Protein backbone atom coordinates (compact mmCIF):
# COMPACT_ATOMS: atom_id res chain seq x y z
CA UNK A 1 0.00 0.00 0.00
CA UNK A 2 1.22 3.46 -0.85
CA UNK A 3 0.69 6.34 1.53
CA UNK A 4 -1.82 7.97 -0.83
CA UNK A 5 -3.84 4.74 -1.05
CA UNK A 6 -3.85 4.36 2.75
CA UNK A 7 -4.97 7.94 3.26
CA UNK A 8 -7.65 7.55 0.59
CA UNK A 9 -9.09 4.49 2.36
CA UNK A 10 -9.07 6.31 5.68
CA UNK A 11 -10.71 9.39 4.16
CA UNK A 12 -13.38 7.42 2.29
CA UNK A 13 -14.33 5.54 5.47
CA UNK A 14 -14.30 8.79 7.46
CA UNK A 15 -16.40 10.60 4.85
CA UNK A 16 -19.05 7.87 4.89
CA UNK A 17 -19.08 7.83 8.70
CA UNK A 18 -19.48 11.63 8.88
CA UNK A 19 -22.19 11.53 6.22
CA UNK A 20 -24.20 8.86 8.08
CA UNK A 21 -23.66 10.58 11.43
CA UNK A 22 -24.69 14.05 10.28
CA UNK A 23 -27.64 12.78 8.26
CA UNK A 24 -28.94 10.76 11.21
CA UNK A 25 -28.55 13.75 13.55
CA UNK A 26 -30.34 16.02 11.08
CA UNK A 27 -33.26 13.61 10.77
CA UNK A 28 -33.55 12.93 14.49
CA UNK A 29 -33.07 16.56 15.48
CA UNK A 30 -35.96 17.58 13.26
CA UNK A 31 -38.43 14.86 14.18
CA UNK A 32 -37.54 13.21 17.48
CA UNK A 33 -36.31 14.01 20.94
CA UNK A 34 -32.56 14.49 21.27
CA UNK A 35 -30.12 14.96 24.13
CA UNK A 36 -27.85 18.01 24.02
CA UNK A 37 -24.52 16.78 25.33
CA UNK A 38 -22.36 19.72 26.39
CA UNK A 39 -19.72 17.40 27.80
CA UNK A 40 -17.76 14.33 26.79
CA UNK A 41 -18.62 10.64 27.02
CA UNK A 42 -21.57 9.99 29.33
CA UNK A 43 -22.07 13.77 29.67
CA UNK A 44 -18.93 14.16 31.77
CA UNK A 45 -17.02 17.45 31.97
CA UNK A 46 -19.84 19.78 30.99
CA UNK A 47 -18.75 23.21 29.78
CA UNK A 48 -15.33 22.32 28.36
CA UNK A 49 -16.37 22.80 24.71
CA UNK A 50 -13.09 24.36 23.57
CA UNK A 51 -11.02 21.69 25.28
CA UNK A 52 -12.98 19.01 23.41
CA UNK A 53 -12.49 20.87 20.14
CA UNK A 54 -8.71 20.97 20.74
CA UNK A 55 -8.69 17.28 21.72
CA UNK A 56 -10.61 16.41 18.53
CA UNK A 57 -8.06 18.27 16.40
CA UNK A 58 -5.20 16.47 18.19
CA UNK A 59 -6.90 13.10 17.59
CA UNK A 60 -7.31 13.94 13.90
CA UNK A 61 -3.62 14.81 13.62
CA UNK A 62 -2.59 11.63 15.45
CA UNK A 63 -4.71 9.53 13.11
CA UNK A 64 -2.69 10.77 10.17
CA UNK A 65 0.56 10.27 12.04
CA UNK A 66 -0.29 6.62 12.80
CA UNK A 67 -2.06 5.98 9.49
CA UNK A 68 -0.37 2.59 8.98
CA UNK A 69 -2.20 0.93 11.88
CA UNK A 70 -5.54 -0.05 10.35
CA UNK A 71 -7.21 1.98 7.61
CA UNK A 72 -10.80 1.00 8.41
CA UNK A 73 -10.43 1.50 12.17
CA UNK A 74 -8.71 4.85 11.72
CA UNK A 75 -11.37 5.91 9.22
CA UNK A 76 -14.12 5.10 11.71
CA UNK A 77 -12.29 6.94 14.49
CA UNK A 78 -11.66 9.92 12.22
CA UNK A 79 -15.27 10.00 11.04
CA UNK A 80 -16.62 9.78 14.57
CA UNK A 81 -14.29 12.49 15.77
CA UNK A 82 -15.19 14.81 12.90
CA UNK A 83 -18.92 14.10 13.29
CA UNK A 84 -18.95 15.22 16.91
CA UNK A 85 -16.52 18.07 16.18
CA UNK A 86 -18.98 19.44 13.61
CA UNK A 87 -21.71 19.40 16.27
CA UNK A 88 -19.54 21.23 18.79
CA UNK A 89 -18.57 23.88 16.25
CA UNK A 90 -22.06 24.37 14.79
CA UNK A 91 -24.36 23.88 17.80
CA UNK A 92 -22.05 24.16 20.80
CA UNK A 93 -23.09 20.67 21.91
CA UNK A 94 -23.15 17.11 20.57
CA UNK A 95 -26.49 15.79 19.33
CA UNK A 96 -27.24 12.44 20.99
CA UNK A 97 -30.38 10.55 20.01
CA UNK A 98 -29.86 6.86 20.70
CA UNK A 99 -31.25 6.16 24.17
CA UNK A 100 -31.27 2.56 25.35
CA UNK A 101 -32.53 3.49 28.81
CA UNK A 102 -29.81 1.62 30.69
CA UNK A 103 -26.93 3.49 29.03
CA UNK A 104 -26.27 7.20 28.51
CA UNK A 105 -27.53 8.63 25.21
CA UNK A 106 -25.16 8.49 22.25
CA UNK A 107 -25.02 8.88 18.46
CA UNK A 108 -23.51 7.21 15.41
CA UNK A 109 -20.27 9.22 15.70
CA UNK A 110 -19.79 7.81 19.21
CA UNK A 111 -20.44 4.32 17.87
CA UNK A 112 -18.00 4.73 14.98
CA UNK A 113 -15.29 6.05 17.32
CA UNK A 114 -15.84 3.22 19.79
CA UNK A 115 -15.72 0.54 17.10
CA UNK A 116 -12.57 2.13 15.64
CA UNK A 117 -10.83 2.13 19.03
CA UNK A 118 -11.81 -1.49 19.72
CA UNK A 119 -10.53 -2.56 16.30
CA UNK A 120 -7.22 -0.80 16.97
CA UNK A 121 -6.95 -2.42 20.41
CA UNK A 122 -7.77 -5.81 18.94
CA UNK A 123 -5.12 -5.42 16.24
CA UNK A 124 -2.59 -4.31 18.84
CA UNK A 125 -3.46 -7.28 21.10
CA UNK A 126 -3.36 -9.71 18.16
CA UNK A 127 0.03 -8.45 16.97
Foldseek 3Di string as FASTA:
>chain_A
DDLVVLVVLLQVLLVVLLVVQVVVLVVCVVPHDWDWQQDDAPNPPHPPLVVLLVVLVVLLVVCSVPSVQDSNLSSLLNNLSVNQNVCCVPPVTGIFDDPPPVGRTHTSSVVSNVVSVVVSVVSVVVD
